[in-house]
Amino acid sequence: MKVVALVYPGMTALDLVGPVQAWSFLPGFDIQYVWRTPGAVRSDCGLSVVATHGFADAWSDPDVLVTGGGGKPTLDLLGDAELAAFLADRGARARWVCSVCTGALLLGAAGLLKGYRAATHWSARDALPGFGAEASDDRICIDRNRLTGGGITAGVDFGIAVAGHWMGAETGKVLELVMEYAPQPPYGTGRPDLADPQTLERAQAALAAMMAA
């Protein structure tokens, strides 16, 4: 299983680490972390991921193309012609085209979500129709070979669920146990429909400040 994973400055590390950690247990797993050129790429939490390959020498026919999202750095890339061309090229040949969080917007900007249902972070959901996609509020959205997940922590659910989609439910169950994935949210406010109005308002203000920073 050849995975091409996009990494870029300012990305949210967990968006990518969640699914990749789950997939790393699958037989034959191999991955390239790709940015314009090889080298360290600093994420939004300060953790650096090493890009092992550049756009020019990444696999041309991966089994999986995956990208995570982020805040303003992700939005700043929506008009990046070089990136859009790379994603469009690899996405056209990949067996599976995947994203977590606002990574869906990058796929959308590359024309890879036209006519597909897709999920993303709740704060960016309204942007998906602008790319010809049907917005989904599912935590994991599977539409043919387009596999998209909700925001940040959804990447863990996404990785396990997609592994089960590829390899069968029994594999998914084993992965869930191996990863000891039994979340117990301390506050239970992880979606807009679960949060009280004051918490939602404060979260929206925090996201707006992040985008303006």
C-alpha atoms as a PDB file:
ATOM      1  CA  MET A   1       0.000   0.000   0.000  1.00  0.00           C
ATOM      2  CA  LYS A   2       1.783   3.106  -1.280  1.00  0.00           C
ATOM      3  CA  VAL A   3       0.637   6.266   0.510  1.00  0.00           C
ATOM      4  CA  VAL A   4       1.504   9.773  -0.668  1.00  0.00           C
ATOM      5  CA  ALA A   5       0.896  12.130   2.261  1.00  0.00           C
ATOM      6  CA  LEU A   6       0.990  15.877   1.695  1.00  0.00           C
ATOM      7  CA  VAL A   7       2.816  17.875   4.360  1.00  0.00           C
ATOM      8  CA  TYR A   8       3.066  21.650   4.356  1.00  0.00           C
ATOM      9  CA  PRO A   9       4.059  24.510   6.670  1.00  0.00           C
ATOM     10  CA  GLY A  10       1.401  25.277   9.263  1.00  0.00           C
ATOM     11  CA  MET A  11      -0.556  22.063   8.804  1.00  0.00           C
ATOM     12  CA  THR A  12      -2.237  20.458  11.822  1.00  0.00           C
ATOM     13  CA  ALA A  13      -0.051  17.469  12.617  1.00  0.00           C
ATOM     14  CA  LEU A  14      -2.778  15.314  14.170  1.00  0.00           C
ATOM     15  CA  ASP A  15      -4.856  15.484  10.987  1.00  0.00           C
ATOM     16  CA  LEU A  16      -2.196  13.385   9.301  1.00  0.00           C
ATOM     17  CA  VAL A  17      -0.700  11.454  12.205  1.00  0.00           C
ATOM     18  CA  GLY A  18      -4.085   9.969  13.194  1.00  0.00           C
ATOM     19  CA  PRO A  19      -4.829   8.086   9.978  1.00  0.00           C
ATOM     20  CA  VAL A  20      -1.212   7.320   9.139  1.00  0.00           C
ATOM     21  CA  GLN A  21      -0.666   5.728  12.559  1.00  0.00           C
ATOM     22  CA  ALA A  22      -3.619   3.402  11.961  1.00  0.00           C
ATOM     23  CA  TRP A  23      -2.557   2.523   8.426  1.00  0.00           C
ATOM     24  CA  SER A  24       1.024   1.843   9.491  1.00  0.00           C
ATOM     25  CA  PHE A  25      -0.177  -1.453  11.013  1.00  0.00           C
ATOM     26  CA  LEU A  26      -1.462  -2.706   7.643  1.00  0.00           C
ATOM     27  CA  PRO A  27       0.614  -5.185   5.608  1.00  0.00           C
ATOM     28  CA  GLY A  28       2.685  -3.682   2.833  1.00  0.00           C
ATOM     29  CA  PHE A  29       2.337  -0.131   4.154  1.00  0.00           C
ATOM     30  CA  ASP A  30       4.821   2.311   2.639  1.00  0.00           C
ATOM     31  CA  ILE A  31       4.640   6.094   2.717  1.00  0.00           C
ATOM     32  CA  GLN A  32       6.145   9.200   1.185  1.00  0.00           C
ATOM     33  CA  TYR A  33       5.749  12.526   2.980  1.00  0.00           C
ATOM     34  CA  VAL A  34       5.670  15.094   0.203  1.00  0.00           C
ATOM     35  CA  TRP A  35       6.137  18.839  -0.075  1.00  0.00           C
ATOM     36  CA  ARG A  36       7.648  21.032  -2.789  1.00  0.00           C
ATOM     37  CA  THR A  37      11.129  19.887  -1.864  1.00  0.00           C
ATOM     38  CA  PRO A  38      12.398  17.419   0.774  1.00  0.00           C
ATOM     39  CA  GLY A  39      13.223  18.702   4.236  1.00  0.00           C
ATOM     40  CA  ALA A  40      11.721  19.564   7.599  1.00  0.00           C
ATOM     41  CA  VAL A  41       8.215  21.057   7.536  1.00  0.00           C
ATOM     42  CA  ARG A  42       7.001  22.766  10.709  1.00  0.00           C
ATOM     43  CA  SER A  43       3.389  22.100  11.717  1.00  0.00           C
ATOM     44  CA  ASP A  44       1.088  24.493  13.546  1.00  0.00           C
ATOM     45  CA  CYS A  45       1.966  23.007  16.955  1.00  0.00           C
ATOM     46  CA  GLY A  46       5.711  23.342  16.374  1.00  0.00           C
ATOM     47  CA  LEU A  47       6.258  19.657  15.591  1.00  0.00           C
ATOM     48  CA  SER A  48       8.250  19.206  12.405  1.00  0.00           C
ATOM     49  CA  VAL A  49       7.565  16.475   9.869  1.00  0.00           C
ATOM     50  CA  VAL A  50      10.290  15.579   7.395  1.00  0.00           C
ATOM     51  CA  ALA A  51       9.201  15.691   3.774  1.00  0.00           C
ATOM     52  CA  THR A  52      10.935  12.677   2.257  1.00  0.00           C
ATOM     53  CA  HIS A  53      10.113  13.626  -1.326  1.00  0.00           C
ATOM     54  CA  GLY A  54       9.322  16.636  -3.461  1.00  0.00           C
ATOM     55  CA  PHE A  55       6.487  17.103  -5.936  1.00  0.00           C
ATOM     56  CA  ALA A  56       8.749  16.060  -8.790  1.00  0.00           C
ATOM     57  CA  ASP A  57       9.831  12.658  -7.455  1.00  0.00           C
ATOM     58  CA  ALA A  58       6.817  11.481  -5.457  1.00  0.00           C
ATOM     59  CA  TRP A  59       5.126   8.298  -6.629  1.00  0.00           C
ATOM     60  CA  SER A  60       3.075   9.003  -9.726  1.00  0.00           C
ATOM     61  CA  ASP A  61       0.553   6.218  -9.061  1.00  0.00           C
ATOM     62  CA  PRO A  62      -0.010   5.896  -5.303  1.00  0.00           C
ATOM     63  CA  ASP A  63      -2.643   3.644  -3.838  1.00  0.00           C
ATOM     64  CA  VAL A  64      -3.588   6.450  -1.438  1.00  0.00           C
ATOM     65  CA  LEU A  65      -3.331  10.229  -1.623  1.00  0.00           C
ATOM     66  CA  VAL A  66      -4.006  11.913   1.724  1.00  0.00           C
ATOM     67  CA  THR A  67      -3.832  15.441   3.045  1.00  0.00           C
ATOM     68  CA  GLY A  68      -4.578  16.948   6.424  1.00  0.00           C
ATOM     69  CA  GLY A  69      -5.755  20.462   7.052  1.00  0.00           C
ATOM     70  CA  GLY A  70      -5.152  23.394   9.325  1.00  0.00           C
ATOM     71  CA  GLY A  71      -6.069  27.023   9.779  1.00  0.00           C
ATOM     72  CA  LYS A  72      -4.920  30.053   7.818  1.00  0.00           C
ATOM     73  CA  PRO A  73      -1.864  28.305   6.249  1.00  0.00           C
ATOM     74  CA  THR A  74      -4.256  25.838   4.640  1.00  0.00           C
ATOM     75  CA  LEU A  75      -6.530  28.572   3.323  1.00  0.00           C
ATOM     76  CA  ASP A  76      -3.496  30.425   1.957  1.00  0.00           C
ATOM     77  CA  LEU A  77      -2.714  27.399  -0.227  1.00  0.00           C
ATOM     78  CA  LEU A  78      -6.110  27.325  -1.930  1.00  0.00           C
ATOM     79  CA  GLY A  79      -4.834  29.548  -4.719  1.00  0.00           C
ATOM     80  CA  ASP A  80      -1.501  27.729  -5.101  1.00  0.00           C
ATOM     81  CA  ALA A  81      -1.426  26.514  -8.709  1.00  0.00           C
ATOM     82  CA  GLU A  82       1.603  24.267  -8.239  1.00  0.00           C
ATOM     83  CA  LEU A  83       0.024  22.438  -5.318  1.00  0.00           C
ATOM     84  CA  ALA A  84      -3.341  22.114  -7.048  1.00  0.00           C
ATOM     85  CA  ALA A  85      -1.636  20.644 -10.112  1.00  0.00           C
ATOM     86  CA  PHE A  86       0.256  18.116  -7.981  1.00  0.00           C
ATOM     87  CA  LEU A  87      -2.862  16.992  -6.111  1.00  0.00           C
ATOM     88  CA  ALA A  88      -4.925  16.827  -9.295  1.00  0.00           C
ATOM     89  CA  ASP A  89      -2.265  14.733 -11.012  1.00  0.00           C
ATOM     90  CA  ARG A  90      -1.750  12.220  -8.197  1.00  0.00           C
ATOM     91  CA  GLY A  91      -5.437  12.195  -7.295  1.00  0.00           C
ATOM     92  CA  ALA A  92      -6.389  11.263 -10.849  1.00  0.00           C
ATOM     93  CA  ARG A  93      -4.336   8.067 -10.580  1.00  0.00           C
ATOM     94  CA  ALA A  94      -4.656   7.171  -6.895  1.00  0.00           C
ATOM     95  CA  ARG A  95      -6.994   4.335  -5.937  1.00  0.00           C
ATOM     96  CA  TRP A  96      -8.153   6.324  -2.915  1.00  0.00           C
ATOM     97  CA  VAL A  97      -8.237  10.090  -2.382  1.00  0.00           C
ATOM     98  CA  CYS A  98      -8.399  11.035   1.290  1.00  0.00           C
ATOM     99  CA  SER A  99      -8.439  14.047   3.578  1.00  0.00           C
ATOM    100  CA  VAL A 100      -8.998  14.983   7.184  1.00  0.00           C
ATOM    101  CA  CYS A 101     -10.297  18.342   8.424  1.00  0.00           C
ATOM    102  CA  THR A 102      -9.764  21.284   6.044  1.00  0.00           C
ATOM    103  CA  GLY A 103      -7.556  19.102   3.882  1.00  0.00           C
ATOM    104  CA  ALA A 104     -10.817  18.585   1.990  1.00  0.00           C
ATOM    105  CA  LEU A 105     -10.600  22.194   0.822  1.00  0.00           C
ATOM    106  CA  LEU A 106      -7.214  21.492  -0.759  1.00  0.00           C
ATOM    107  CA  LEU A 107      -8.699  18.514  -2.588  1.00  0.00           C
ATOM    108  CA  GLY A 108     -11.605  20.710  -3.622  1.00  0.00           C
ATOM    109  CA  ALA A 109      -9.317  23.417  -4.978  1.00  0.00           C
ATOM    110  CA  ALA A 110      -7.618  20.734  -7.074  1.00  0.00           C
ATOM    111  CA  GLY A 111     -10.975  19.733  -8.565  1.00  0.00           C
ATOM    112  CA  LEU A 112     -11.000  16.353  -6.839  1.00  0.00           C
ATOM    113  CA  LEU A 113     -14.339  16.671  -5.011  1.00  0.00           C
ATOM    114  CA  LYS A 114     -16.661  17.737  -7.821  1.00  0.00           C
ATOM    115  CA  GLY A 115     -19.761  15.595  -7.630  1.00  0.00           C
ATOM    116  CA  TYR A 116     -18.735  13.894  -4.375  1.00  0.00           C
ATOM    117  CA  ARG A 117     -20.001  14.067  -0.811  1.00  0.00           C
ATOM    118  CA  ALA A 118     -17.276  15.218   1.545  1.00  0.00           C
ATOM    119  CA  ALA A 119     -16.674  16.034   5.191  1.00  0.00           C
ATOM    120  CA  THR A 120     -14.409  18.608   6.781  1.00  0.00           C
ATOM    121  CA  HIS A 121     -14.052  20.602  10.006  1.00  0.00           C
ATOM    122  CA  TRP A 122     -17.444  21.973  11.074  1.00  0.00           C
ATOM    123  CA  SER A 123     -16.252  25.555  10.707  1.00  0.00           C
ATOM    124  CA  ALA A 124     -15.377  25.046   7.022  1.00  0.00           C
ATOM    125  CA  ARG A 125     -18.306  22.880   5.955  1.00  0.00           C
ATOM    126  CA  ASP A 126     -20.115  25.703   4.161  1.00  0.00           C
ATOM    127  CA  ALA A 127     -17.126  26.154   1.829  1.00  0.00           C
ATOM    128  CA  LEU A 128     -17.408  22.704   0.241  1.00  0.00           C
ATOM    129  CA  PRO A 129     -20.258  23.477  -2.214  1.00  0.00           C
ATOM    130  CA  GLY A 130     -18.028  26.161  -3.709  1.00  0.00           C
ATOM    131  CA  PHE A 131     -15.802  23.338  -4.967  1.00  0.00           C
ATOM    132  CA  GLY A 132     -18.681  21.365  -6.424  1.00  0.00           C
ATOM    133  CA  ALA A 133     -18.925  19.004  -3.446  1.00  0.00           C
ATOM    134  CA  GLU A 134     -21.927  18.072  -1.336  1.00  0.00           C
ATOM    135  CA  ALA A 135     -21.141  18.922   2.279  1.00  0.00           C
ATOM    136  CA  SER A 136     -21.553  16.144   4.818  1.00  0.00           C
ATOM    137  CA  ASP A 137     -21.661  16.507   8.580  1.00  0.00           C
ATOM    138  CA  ASP A 138     -20.499  12.900   9.014  1.00  0.00           C
ATOM    139  CA  ARG A 139     -17.338  12.316  11.020  1.00  0.00           C
ATOM    140  CA  ILE A 140     -16.268   9.864   8.307  1.00  0.00           C
ATOM    141  CA  CYS A 141     -17.636  10.293   4.794  1.00  0.00           C
ATOM    142  CA  ILE A 142     -17.120   7.596   2.149  1.00  0.00           C
ATOM    143  CA  ASP A 143     -18.280   8.331  -1.386  1.00  0.00           C
ATOM    144  CA  ARG A 144     -16.849   5.876  -3.884  1.00  0.00           C
ATOM    145  CA  ASN A 145     -13.071   6.372  -3.699  1.00  0.00           C
ATOM    146  CA  ARG A 146     -13.250   9.755  -1.976  1.00  0.00           C
ATOM    147  CA  LEU A 147     -12.735   9.287   1.756  1.00  0.00           C
ATOM    148  CA  THR A 148     -12.927  12.388   3.938  1.00  0.00           C
ATOM    149  CA  GLY A 149     -13.017  13.032   7.660  1.00  0.00           C
ATOM    150  CA  GLY A 150     -14.107  15.769  10.032  1.00  0.00           C
ATOM    151  CA  GLY A 151     -11.858  17.979  12.099  1.00  0.00           C
ATOM    152  CA  ILE A 152      -8.531  17.060  13.719  1.00  0.00           C
ATOM    153  CA  THR A 153      -9.345  14.198  16.139  1.00  0.00           C
ATOM    154  CA  ALA A 154     -11.649  12.678  13.529  1.00  0.00           C
ATOM    155  CA  GLY A 155      -8.450  11.539  11.842  1.00  0.00           C
ATOM    156  CA  VAL A 156      -8.103   8.688  14.334  1.00  0.00           C
ATOM    157  CA  ASP A 157     -11.672   7.472  13.752  1.00  0.00           C
ATOM    158  CA  PHE A 158     -11.083   7.990  10.046  1.00  0.00           C
ATOM    159  CA  GLY A 159      -7.865   5.979   9.943  1.00  0.00           C
ATOM    160  CA  ILE A 160      -9.368   2.980  11.717  1.00  0.00           C
ATOM    161  CA  ALA A 161     -12.640   3.074   9.785  1.00  0.00           C
ATOM    162  CA  VAL A 162     -10.881   3.375   6.431  1.00  0.00           C
ATOM    163  CA  ALA A 163      -8.538   0.497   7.310  1.00  0.00           C
ATOM    164  CA  GLY A 164     -11.646  -1.583   8.005  1.00  0.00           C
ATOM    165  CA  HIS A 165     -13.167  -0.412   4.721  1.00  0.00           C
ATOM    166  CA  TRP A 166     -10.069  -1.581   2.861  1.00  0.00           C
ATOM    167  CA  MET A 167      -9.212  -4.750   4.768  1.00  0.00           C
ATOM    168  CA  GLY A 168     -12.466  -5.819   6.410  1.00  0.00           C
ATOM    169  CA  ALA A 169     -14.218  -5.141   9.698  1.00  0.00           C
ATOM    170  CA  GLU A 170     -12.172  -7.718  11.599  1.00  0.00           C
ATOM    171  CA  THR A 171      -8.992  -5.826  10.761  1.00  0.00           C
ATOM    172  CA  GLY A 172     -10.629  -2.594  11.881  1.00  0.00           C
ATOM    173  CA  LYS A 173     -11.629  -4.151  15.195  1.00  0.00           C
ATOM    174  CA  VAL A 174      -8.093  -5.391  15.830  1.00  0.00           C
ATOM    175  CA  LEU A 175      -6.617  -1.973  15.020  1.00  0.00           C
ATOM    176  CA  GLU A 176      -9.055  -0.271  17.377  1.00  0.00           C
ATOM    177  CA  LEU A 177      -7.962  -2.577  20.189  1.00  0.00           C
ATOM    178  CA  VAL A 178      -4.241  -2.374  19.389  1.00  0.00           C
ATOM    179  CA  MET A 179      -4.486   1.419  19.452  1.00  0.00           C
ATOM    180  CA  GLU A 180      -6.610   1.267  22.637  1.00  0.00           C
ATOM    181  CA  TYR A 181      -9.049   3.579  20.955  1.00  0.00           C
ATOM    182  CA  ALA A 182     -11.825   4.037  23.511  1.00  0.00           C
ATOM    183  CA  PRO A 183     -12.279   7.824  23.727  1.00  0.00           C
ATOM    184  CA  GLN A 184     -13.928   9.402  26.744  1.00  0.00           C
ATOM    185  CA  PRO A 185     -14.345  13.142  25.993  1.00  0.00           C
ATOM    186  CA  PRO A 186     -13.852  15.039  29.250  1.00  0.00           C
ATOM    187  CA  TYR A 187     -16.443  17.713  28.463  1.00  0.00           C
ATOM    188  CA  GLY A 188     -18.614  16.303  25.690  1.00  0.00           C
ATOM    189  CA  THR A 189     -18.574  19.524  23.646  1.00  0.00           C
ATOM    190  CA  GLY A 190     -16.717  18.236  20.601  1.00  0.00           C
ATOM    191  CA  ARG A 191     -19.346  19.151  17.998  1.00  0.00           C
ATOM    192  CA  PRO A 192     -21.401  22.324  17.571  1.00  0.00           C
ATOM    193  CA  ASP A 193     -24.614  20.425  18.254  1.00  0.00           C
ATOM    194  CA  LEU A 194     -23.198  19.153  21.560  1.00  0.00           C
ATOM    195  CA  ALA A 195     -21.819  22.466  22.839  1.00  0.00           C
ATOM    196  CA  ASP A 196     -23.744  25.080  24.780  1.00  0.00           C
ATOM    197  CA  PRO A 197     -24.184  28.454  23.021  1.00  0.00           C
ATOM    198  CA  GLN A 198     -21.496  30.209  25.067  1.00  0.00           C
ATOM    199  CA  THR A 199     -18.899  27.525  24.344  1.00  0.00           C
ATOM    200  CA  LEU A 200     -19.759  27.565  20.650  1.00  0.00           C
ATOM    201  CA  GLU A 201     -19.449  31.345  20.522  1.00  0.00           C
ATOM    202  CA  ARG A 202     -16.057  31.256  22.229  1.00  0.00           C
ATOM    203  CA  ALA A 203     -14.844  28.492  19.893  1.00  0.00           C
ATOM    204  CA  GLN A 204     -15.922  30.478  16.839  1.00  0.00           C
ATOM    205  CA  ALA A 205     -14.093  33.553  18.178  1.00  0.00           C
ATOM    206  CA  ALA A 206     -10.958  31.491  18.802  1.00  0.00           C
ATOM    207  CA  LEU A 207     -11.037  30.096  15.258  1.00  0.00           C
ATOM    208  CA  ALA A 208     -11.555  33.564  13.807  1.00  0.00           C
ATOM    209  CA  ALA A 209      -8.539  34.842  15.766  1.00  0.00           C
ATOM    210  CA  MET A 210      -6.443  31.946  14.483  1.00  0.00           C
ATOM    211  CA  MET A 211      -7.405  32.743  10.905  1.00  0.00           C
ATOM    212  CA  ALA A 212      -6.500  36.398  11.370  1.00  0.00           C
ATOM    213  CA  ALA A 213      -3.145  35.698  13.033  1.00  0.00           C
END
